[in-house]
Structure formats: C-alpha cells, structure tokens
N, C-alpha and C. Protein backbone atom coordinates (compact mmCIF):
# COMPACT_ATOMS: atom_id res chain seq x y z
N MET A 1 -28.35 1.47 18.83
CA MET A 1 -28.54 2.15 17.71
C MET A 1 -28.51 1.16 16.46
N THR A 2 -29.56 1.12 15.63
CA THR A 2 -29.66 0.27 14.69
C THR A 2 -29.55 0.97 13.32
N LEU A 3 -29.13 0.34 12.23
CA LEU A 3 -28.86 1.10 10.99
C LEU A 3 -29.83 0.49 10.05
N ASP A 4 -30.63 1.40 9.43
CA ASP A 4 -31.63 0.95 8.44
C ASP A 4 -31.12 1.73 7.07
N TRP A 5 -31.77 1.40 5.97
CA TRP A 5 -31.40 1.76 4.77
C TRP A 5 -31.49 3.39 4.55
N THR A 6 -32.47 3.92 5.23
CA THR A 6 -32.74 5.33 5.26
C THR A 6 -31.56 5.98 5.98
N LEU A 7 -31.14 5.56 7.13
CA LEU A 7 -30.01 6.20 7.83
C LEU A 7 -28.62 6.06 7.04
N ILE A 8 -28.46 4.79 6.37
CA ILE A 8 -27.32 4.58 5.55
C ILE A 8 -27.29 5.58 4.34
N GLY A 9 -28.45 5.62 3.69
CA GLY A 9 -28.56 6.62 2.58
C GLY A 9 -28.29 8.08 3.01
N LEU A 10 -28.86 8.55 4.08
CA LEU A 10 -28.65 9.87 4.70
C LEU A 10 -27.21 10.02 4.99
N GLY A 11 -26.52 8.95 5.62
CA GLY A 11 -25.08 8.98 5.92
C GLY A 11 -24.24 9.26 4.64
N LEU A 12 -24.68 8.54 3.51
CA LEU A 12 -23.88 8.61 2.29
C LEU A 12 -24.13 10.10 1.70
N VAL A 13 -25.27 10.52 1.75
CA VAL A 13 -25.51 11.95 1.06
C VAL A 13 -24.72 12.89 1.98
N LEU A 14 -24.84 12.85 3.31
CA LEU A 14 -24.16 13.83 4.17
C LEU A 14 -22.64 13.63 3.97
N SER A 15 -22.19 12.57 3.85
CA SER A 15 -20.78 12.34 3.54
C SER A 15 -20.31 13.06 2.48
N ALA A 16 -21.06 12.94 1.22
CA ALA A 16 -20.68 13.64 0.03
C ALA A 16 -20.80 15.12 0.20
N VAL A 17 -21.78 15.63 0.75
CA VAL A 17 -21.85 17.09 1.15
C VAL A 17 -20.68 17.51 2.01
N CYS A 18 -20.40 16.81 3.10
CA CYS A 18 -19.15 17.14 3.93
C CYS A 18 -17.83 17.11 3.18
N GLY A 19 -17.64 16.02 2.37
CA GLY A 19 -16.48 16.04 1.53
C GLY A 19 -16.31 17.23 0.69
N PHE A 20 -17.32 17.58 -0.04
CA PHE A 20 -17.49 18.80 -0.74
C PHE A 20 -16.97 20.11 0.09
N PHE A 21 -17.57 20.25 1.26
CA PHE A 21 -17.37 21.34 2.22
C PHE A 21 -15.83 21.40 2.63
N ASN A 22 -15.37 20.12 2.91
CA ASN A 22 -13.96 19.96 3.48
C ASN A 22 -13.04 20.41 2.19
N ALA A 23 -13.30 20.03 1.08
CA ALA A 23 -12.47 20.41 -0.14
C ALA A 23 -12.54 21.88 -0.34
N VAL A 24 -13.65 22.46 -0.21
CA VAL A 24 -13.98 23.93 -0.64
C VAL A 24 -13.53 24.88 0.50
N ALA A 25 -13.87 24.54 1.76
CA ALA A 25 -13.74 25.53 2.93
C ALA A 25 -13.24 24.90 4.21
N SER A 26 -12.85 23.67 4.07
CA SER A 26 -12.47 22.99 5.38
C SER A 26 -13.49 22.96 6.54
N GLY A 27 -14.76 22.88 6.17
CA GLY A 27 -15.78 22.90 7.22
C GLY A 27 -16.75 21.85 7.17
N GLY A 28 -16.45 20.72 6.48
CA GLY A 28 -17.35 19.58 6.50
C GLY A 28 -17.62 18.93 7.85
N SER A 29 -16.61 18.99 8.65
CA SER A 29 -16.61 18.42 9.99
C SER A 29 -17.80 18.99 11.01
N THR A 30 -17.92 20.34 10.57
CA THR A 30 -19.01 21.07 11.36
C THR A 30 -20.42 20.73 10.98
N LEU A 31 -20.48 19.86 9.84
CA LEU A 31 -21.83 19.30 9.47
C LEU A 31 -21.90 17.97 9.88
N ILE A 32 -20.94 17.15 9.70
CA ILE A 32 -21.18 15.88 10.00
C ILE A 32 -21.11 15.42 11.54
N LEU A 33 -20.36 16.30 12.32
CA LEU A 33 -20.45 16.00 13.82
C LEU A 33 -21.72 16.08 14.52
N PRO A 34 -22.41 17.21 14.26
CA PRO A 34 -23.85 17.34 14.83
C PRO A 34 -24.74 16.19 14.27
N ALA A 35 -24.52 15.83 13.00
CA ALA A 35 -25.43 14.79 12.40
C ALA A 35 -25.20 13.51 13.20
N LEU A 36 -23.86 13.02 13.48
CA LEU A 36 -23.61 11.97 14.19
C LEU A 36 -24.10 11.96 15.55
N LEU A 37 -24.02 13.08 16.21
CA LEU A 37 -24.59 13.26 17.51
C LEU A 37 -26.03 13.23 17.65
N SER A 38 -26.65 13.60 16.50
CA SER A 38 -28.15 13.66 16.57
C SER A 38 -28.63 12.27 16.34
N ILE A 39 -27.95 11.32 15.78
CA ILE A 39 -28.49 9.95 15.54
C ILE A 39 -28.19 9.04 16.88
N GLY A 40 -27.50 9.77 17.84
CA GLY A 40 -27.43 9.05 19.22
C GLY A 40 -25.86 8.50 19.19
N MET A 41 -25.02 8.95 18.43
CA MET A 41 -23.59 8.45 18.61
C MET A 41 -22.90 9.01 19.75
N PRO A 42 -22.19 8.25 20.59
CA PRO A 42 -21.47 9.08 21.73
C PRO A 42 -20.60 10.14 21.04
N ALA A 43 -20.31 11.18 21.85
CA ALA A 43 -19.40 12.37 21.35
C ALA A 43 -18.12 11.80 21.03
N ASP A 44 -17.56 11.00 21.90
CA ASP A 44 -16.02 10.66 21.62
C ASP A 44 -15.86 9.66 20.32
N ILE A 45 -16.91 8.93 20.17
CA ILE A 45 -16.87 7.85 19.04
C ILE A 45 -17.17 8.86 17.64
N ALA A 46 -18.06 9.85 17.77
CA ALA A 46 -18.46 10.53 16.61
C ALA A 46 -17.15 11.54 16.23
N TYR A 47 -16.59 11.93 17.26
CA TYR A 47 -15.38 12.90 16.95
C TYR A 47 -14.21 11.97 16.33
N ALA A 48 -14.20 10.80 16.94
CA ALA A 48 -13.03 9.82 16.26
C ALA A 48 -13.40 9.52 14.90
N THR A 49 -14.67 9.34 14.70
CA THR A 49 -15.14 8.89 13.29
C THR A 49 -14.91 9.97 12.21
N ILE A 50 -15.00 11.35 12.58
CA ILE A 50 -14.71 12.38 11.60
C ILE A 50 -13.10 12.55 11.44
N ARG A 51 -12.31 11.92 12.26
CA ARG A 51 -10.96 12.15 12.13
C ARG A 51 -10.42 11.52 10.74
N LEU A 52 -11.10 10.23 10.31
CA LEU A 52 -10.64 9.60 9.11
C LEU A 52 -10.61 10.48 7.87
N PRO A 53 -11.83 11.08 7.52
CA PRO A 53 -11.84 12.10 6.39
C PRO A 53 -10.91 13.19 6.42
N ILE A 54 -10.72 13.63 7.69
CA ILE A 54 -9.65 14.70 7.92
C ILE A 54 -8.19 14.14 7.60
N LEU A 55 -7.93 13.03 8.09
CA LEU A 55 -6.66 12.43 7.67
C LEU A 55 -6.49 12.18 6.34
N LEU A 56 -7.41 11.79 5.52
CA LEU A 56 -7.43 11.50 4.20
C LEU A 56 -7.25 12.79 3.23
N GLY A 57 -7.96 13.78 3.87
CA GLY A 57 -7.86 15.16 3.20
C GLY A 57 -6.50 15.76 3.45
N SER A 58 -6.03 15.61 4.60
CA SER A 58 -4.62 16.09 4.90
C SER A 58 -3.57 15.42 4.08
N THR A 59 -3.71 14.08 3.97
CA THR A 59 -2.71 13.38 3.16
C THR A 59 -2.77 13.82 1.77
N THR A 60 -4.08 13.96 1.17
CA THR A 60 -4.14 14.46 -0.19
C THR A 60 -3.47 15.83 -0.36
N ALA A 61 -3.74 16.74 0.60
CA ALA A 61 -3.19 18.12 0.36
C ALA A 61 -1.69 18.09 0.58
N LEU A 62 -1.09 17.30 1.38
CA LEU A 62 0.31 17.11 1.51
C LEU A 62 0.89 16.68 0.22
N TRP A 63 0.26 15.67 -0.25
CA TRP A 63 0.64 15.05 -1.62
C TRP A 63 0.77 16.22 -2.68
N SER A 64 -0.32 16.94 -2.71
CA SER A 64 -0.49 18.02 -3.71
C SER A 64 0.55 19.15 -3.61
N PHE A 65 0.74 19.53 -2.36
CA PHE A 65 1.81 20.54 -1.98
C PHE A 65 3.12 20.03 -2.36
N GLU A 66 3.33 18.94 -1.97
CA GLU A 66 4.74 18.33 -2.31
C GLU A 66 4.92 18.28 -3.89
N ARG A 67 3.97 17.91 -4.65
CA ARG A 67 4.15 17.78 -6.01
C ARG A 67 4.34 19.18 -6.56
N GLU A 68 3.91 20.29 -6.09
CA GLU A 68 4.14 21.70 -6.37
C GLU A 68 5.36 22.27 -5.74
N GLN A 69 6.11 21.42 -5.09
CA GLN A 69 7.39 21.85 -4.32
C GLN A 69 7.02 23.15 -3.37
N LEU A 70 5.94 23.21 -2.66
CA LEU A 70 5.57 24.23 -1.78
C LEU A 70 5.91 24.07 -0.28
N ILE A 71 6.50 22.75 0.00
CA ILE A 71 6.70 22.51 1.30
C ILE A 71 8.28 22.69 1.71
N SER A 72 8.41 23.51 2.75
CA SER A 72 9.84 23.63 3.28
C SER A 72 9.92 22.50 4.35
N TRP A 73 10.44 21.48 4.04
CA TRP A 73 10.66 20.46 4.95
C TRP A 73 11.50 20.70 6.25
N LYS A 74 12.42 21.64 6.01
CA LYS A 74 13.22 21.99 7.11
C LYS A 74 12.27 22.63 8.30
N SER A 75 11.47 23.48 7.72
CA SER A 75 10.40 24.10 8.71
C SER A 75 9.48 23.13 9.37
N VAL A 76 9.10 22.21 8.40
CA VAL A 76 8.18 21.13 8.94
C VAL A 76 8.82 20.38 10.07
N PHE A 77 10.06 19.94 9.93
CA PHE A 77 10.68 19.12 11.02
C PHE A 77 11.03 20.03 12.27
N GLN A 78 11.23 21.35 12.02
CA GLN A 78 11.50 22.12 13.19
C GLN A 78 10.06 22.31 14.04
N LEU A 79 9.12 22.52 13.25
CA LEU A 79 7.69 22.62 13.99
C LEU A 79 7.32 21.27 14.47
N SER A 80 7.68 20.26 13.98
CA SER A 80 7.25 18.96 14.51
C SER A 80 7.84 18.50 15.78
N ILE A 81 9.04 19.08 16.03
CA ILE A 81 9.68 18.92 17.37
C ILE A 81 8.77 19.39 18.49
N LEU A 82 8.04 20.54 18.21
CA LEU A 82 7.17 20.96 19.14
C LEU A 82 5.62 20.24 19.06
N PHE A 83 5.20 20.17 17.86
CA PHE A 83 3.88 19.70 17.67
C PHE A 83 3.58 18.28 18.11
N ILE A 84 4.49 17.28 17.70
CA ILE A 84 4.34 15.89 18.05
C ILE A 84 4.08 15.56 19.54
N PRO A 85 5.00 15.99 20.41
CA PRO A 85 4.80 15.82 21.84
C PRO A 85 3.51 16.30 22.45
N PHE A 86 3.08 17.58 21.89
CA PHE A 86 1.87 18.21 22.47
C PHE A 86 0.67 17.60 21.75
N SER A 87 0.68 17.02 20.72
CA SER A 87 -0.34 16.23 20.07
C SER A 87 -0.54 14.95 20.78
N LEU A 88 0.50 14.23 21.01
CA LEU A 88 0.48 13.05 21.85
C LEU A 88 -0.14 13.30 23.28
N PHE A 89 0.22 14.36 23.81
CA PHE A 89 -0.19 14.66 25.25
C PHE A 89 -1.72 15.05 25.01
N GLY A 90 -2.20 15.86 24.13
CA GLY A 90 -3.58 16.06 23.88
C GLY A 90 -4.32 14.70 23.64
N ALA A 91 -3.88 13.88 22.96
CA ALA A 91 -4.54 12.71 22.62
C ALA A 91 -4.61 11.80 23.86
N GLU A 92 -3.66 11.87 24.80
CA GLU A 92 -3.69 11.04 26.11
C GLU A 92 -4.61 11.71 26.92
N ILE A 93 -4.92 13.04 27.02
CA ILE A 93 -5.82 13.64 27.90
C ILE A 93 -7.22 13.37 27.39
N ALA A 94 -7.39 13.32 25.95
CA ALA A 94 -8.79 13.04 25.58
C ALA A 94 -9.14 11.51 25.89
N THR A 95 -8.32 10.64 25.99
CA THR A 95 -8.67 9.38 26.45
C THR A 95 -9.14 9.27 27.92
N LEU A 96 -8.76 10.12 28.72
CA LEU A 96 -9.03 10.21 30.11
C LEU A 96 -10.37 10.88 30.48
N MET A 97 -10.91 11.73 29.50
CA MET A 97 -12.03 12.44 29.59
C MET A 97 -13.47 11.59 29.55
N THR A 98 -14.34 12.05 30.29
CA THR A 98 -15.65 11.43 30.28
C THR A 98 -16.28 11.75 28.99
N THR A 99 -17.55 11.13 28.61
CA THR A 99 -18.39 11.37 27.40
C THR A 99 -18.90 12.68 27.59
N GLN A 100 -19.34 13.17 28.76
CA GLN A 100 -19.84 14.46 28.92
C GLN A 100 -18.89 15.62 28.70
N THR A 101 -17.61 15.39 29.14
CA THR A 101 -16.64 16.36 28.97
C THR A 101 -16.24 16.46 27.63
N SER A 102 -16.22 15.28 26.88
CA SER A 102 -15.95 15.24 25.49
C SER A 102 -16.97 16.04 24.55
N LEU A 103 -18.26 15.80 24.99
CA LEU A 103 -19.30 16.49 24.36
C LEU A 103 -19.16 17.94 24.52
N LEU A 104 -18.71 18.40 25.48
CA LEU A 104 -18.63 19.90 25.88
C LEU A 104 -17.53 20.47 25.06
N PHE A 105 -16.34 19.76 24.83
CA PHE A 105 -15.26 20.18 24.08
C PHE A 105 -15.62 20.09 22.62
N VAL A 106 -16.37 19.11 22.19
CA VAL A 106 -16.90 19.04 20.81
C VAL A 106 -17.64 20.25 20.46
N ARG A 107 -18.63 20.51 21.38
CA ARG A 107 -19.52 21.72 21.03
C ARG A 107 -18.64 23.01 21.05
N ILE A 108 -17.71 23.08 21.92
CA ILE A 108 -16.75 24.30 21.72
C ILE A 108 -16.10 24.39 20.53
N ALA A 109 -15.54 23.22 20.09
CA ALA A 109 -14.81 23.06 18.85
C ALA A 109 -15.63 23.37 17.59
N VAL A 110 -16.94 22.94 17.57
CA VAL A 110 -17.69 23.20 16.51
C VAL A 110 -18.03 24.62 16.36
N PHE A 111 -18.38 25.24 17.61
CA PHE A 111 -18.66 26.70 17.47
C PHE A 111 -17.49 27.35 17.02
N PHE A 112 -16.21 27.22 17.31
CA PHE A 112 -15.16 27.97 16.81
C PHE A 112 -14.91 27.62 15.39
N ALA A 113 -15.22 26.37 14.98
CA ALA A 113 -15.09 25.95 13.49
C ALA A 113 -16.07 26.87 12.53
N LEU A 114 -17.24 26.88 13.15
CA LEU A 114 -18.26 27.73 12.37
C LEU A 114 -17.76 29.22 12.38
N LEU A 115 -17.35 29.75 13.61
CA LEU A 115 -16.83 31.12 13.69
C LEU A 115 -15.81 31.34 12.66
N PHE A 116 -14.88 30.45 12.52
CA PHE A 116 -13.78 30.64 11.52
C PHE A 116 -14.26 30.59 10.04
N LEU A 117 -15.38 29.65 9.82
CA LEU A 117 -16.02 29.73 8.59
C LEU A 117 -16.50 31.10 8.14
N PHE A 118 -17.02 31.77 9.12
CA PHE A 118 -17.76 33.02 8.85
C PHE A 118 -16.84 34.15 8.81
N ILE A 119 -15.73 34.18 9.53
CA ILE A 119 -14.75 35.34 9.57
C ILE A 119 -13.68 35.20 8.54
N ARG A 120 -13.69 33.93 7.96
CA ARG A 120 -12.62 33.79 6.81
C ARG A 120 -11.28 34.21 7.05
N PRO A 121 -10.63 33.45 7.79
CA PRO A 121 -9.24 33.82 8.28
C PRO A 121 -8.27 33.98 7.05
N GLN A 122 -8.74 33.42 5.83
CA GLN A 122 -7.90 33.61 4.64
C GLN A 122 -7.63 35.00 4.31
N ARG A 123 -8.43 35.94 4.74
CA ARG A 123 -8.19 37.27 4.43
C ARG A 123 -6.85 37.86 5.18
N LEU A 124 -6.62 37.15 6.21
CA LEU A 124 -5.42 37.55 6.92
C LEU A 124 -4.04 37.27 6.07
N MET A 125 -4.27 36.37 5.15
CA MET A 125 -3.10 35.89 4.40
C MET A 125 -2.98 36.60 3.08
N LYS A 126 -3.80 37.50 2.75
CA LYS A 126 -3.88 38.21 1.55
C LYS A 126 -2.36 38.98 1.21
N GLU A 127 -1.73 39.32 2.23
CA GLU A 127 -0.48 40.12 2.22
C GLU A 127 0.59 39.18 1.68
N TYR A 128 0.44 37.89 1.82
CA TYR A 128 1.44 36.74 1.29
C TYR A 128 0.95 36.26 0.07
N THR A 129 1.60 36.60 -0.95
CA THR A 129 1.34 35.93 -2.23
C THR A 129 2.01 34.59 -2.33
N ASP A 130 1.53 33.86 -3.40
CA ASP A 130 2.02 32.45 -3.58
C ASP A 130 3.55 32.63 -3.86
N ASP A 131 3.83 33.58 -4.82
CA ASP A 131 5.17 33.63 -5.11
C ASP A 131 6.17 34.06 -4.04
N SER A 132 5.64 34.94 -3.10
CA SER A 132 6.44 35.17 -1.97
C SER A 132 6.70 33.98 -1.01
N MET A 133 5.68 33.21 -0.83
CA MET A 133 5.69 32.00 0.00
C MET A 133 6.80 31.06 -0.51
N LYS A 134 6.79 30.97 -1.97
CA LYS A 134 7.82 29.91 -2.60
C LYS A 134 9.19 30.55 -2.42
N ALA A 135 9.25 31.82 -2.60
CA ALA A 135 10.67 32.47 -2.30
C ALA A 135 11.13 32.36 -1.08
N ASP A 136 10.29 32.58 -0.01
CA ASP A 136 10.76 32.76 1.40
C ASP A 136 9.87 31.86 2.11
N PRO A 137 9.91 30.62 2.32
CA PRO A 137 9.01 29.69 3.07
C PRO A 137 8.98 30.12 4.59
N GLN A 138 9.98 30.66 5.00
CA GLN A 138 9.92 31.01 6.42
C GLN A 138 8.94 32.15 6.78
N SER A 139 8.44 32.84 5.67
CA SER A 139 7.48 33.89 5.84
C SER A 139 6.20 33.37 6.39
N SER A 140 6.03 32.15 6.14
CA SER A 140 4.63 31.44 6.74
C SER A 140 4.84 31.39 8.28
N MET A 141 6.14 31.17 8.88
CA MET A 141 6.37 30.96 10.16
C MET A 141 5.76 32.28 11.00
N LYS A 142 5.96 33.54 10.29
CA LYS A 142 5.42 34.85 10.84
C LYS A 142 3.93 34.71 11.07
N LEU A 143 3.32 34.30 10.11
CA LEU A 143 1.81 34.06 10.18
C LEU A 143 1.35 33.24 11.34
C-alpha cells in the first residue's frame, strides 16, 4: 500500500468529518473504519488505528466532566474493579485472533454501532435529568 497526495488529502478530510461525528454523535469510527479497510489496510491494524481518536475523545470528555464535577469517583473505582480485568482479557483474546476473525468482529461491531446511531439510545436516558444525576450519581448505575 503506497500513500500518494490524493490518499493523504482524502484521509485528512475523512478525519475531520469523523472527528465531527465523534464529537456530535459518537459515530465517527463507523465511517473511518470502512474507509481504512477499503484502501487495503488489514482489519486489525485499521481497528487499532481508530483507537487513538477514541482515546483522545474519551480523555477530553473525562476532563470536561471532571471540570463540571459530574464524576462520582467512588462509582468509577467500583466499576473499574470489574472492567479493567475484562478489558485486559478482551485485549489478549484480540491478539490471538486471525485477521479474518478480526474482520468478522469489526463488521459486527460496525453494524451495531450504526444500529445504535439510528435507534438513539439517548432516548432511554430522558427520565434522568442532569440535576438528578448530580444529586444522585448512583442513579446512573441503574441505567
């Protein structure tokens, strides 16, 4: 796979569009992943590539939520006890998969990401107002 100026320009434009969608609807990865696959990038490398903007976006969101004092750190640490080992286990399994298996799981993940974009799960959160979340951070655990 060689890079030419057209491909670099397309990548920059697509990155800007995906950054916008990630900021607005958390769906930019559903655009960039098929684009990376279509230019011939292996599925595992393409998936790893889209992790960087997701990491940066998550870090920015964490910083913003912390500034607004919307994070119940006690809940975060309680959930981390469960999430961290399973995340490490999942990452280890991913390193053992073949490229074909990775591509299958990437396709499934993109399908579900698009599905969630269309059904807008934010509607399920309407009963929880921002003020009630601030008053009772444990209410998010129910959701």
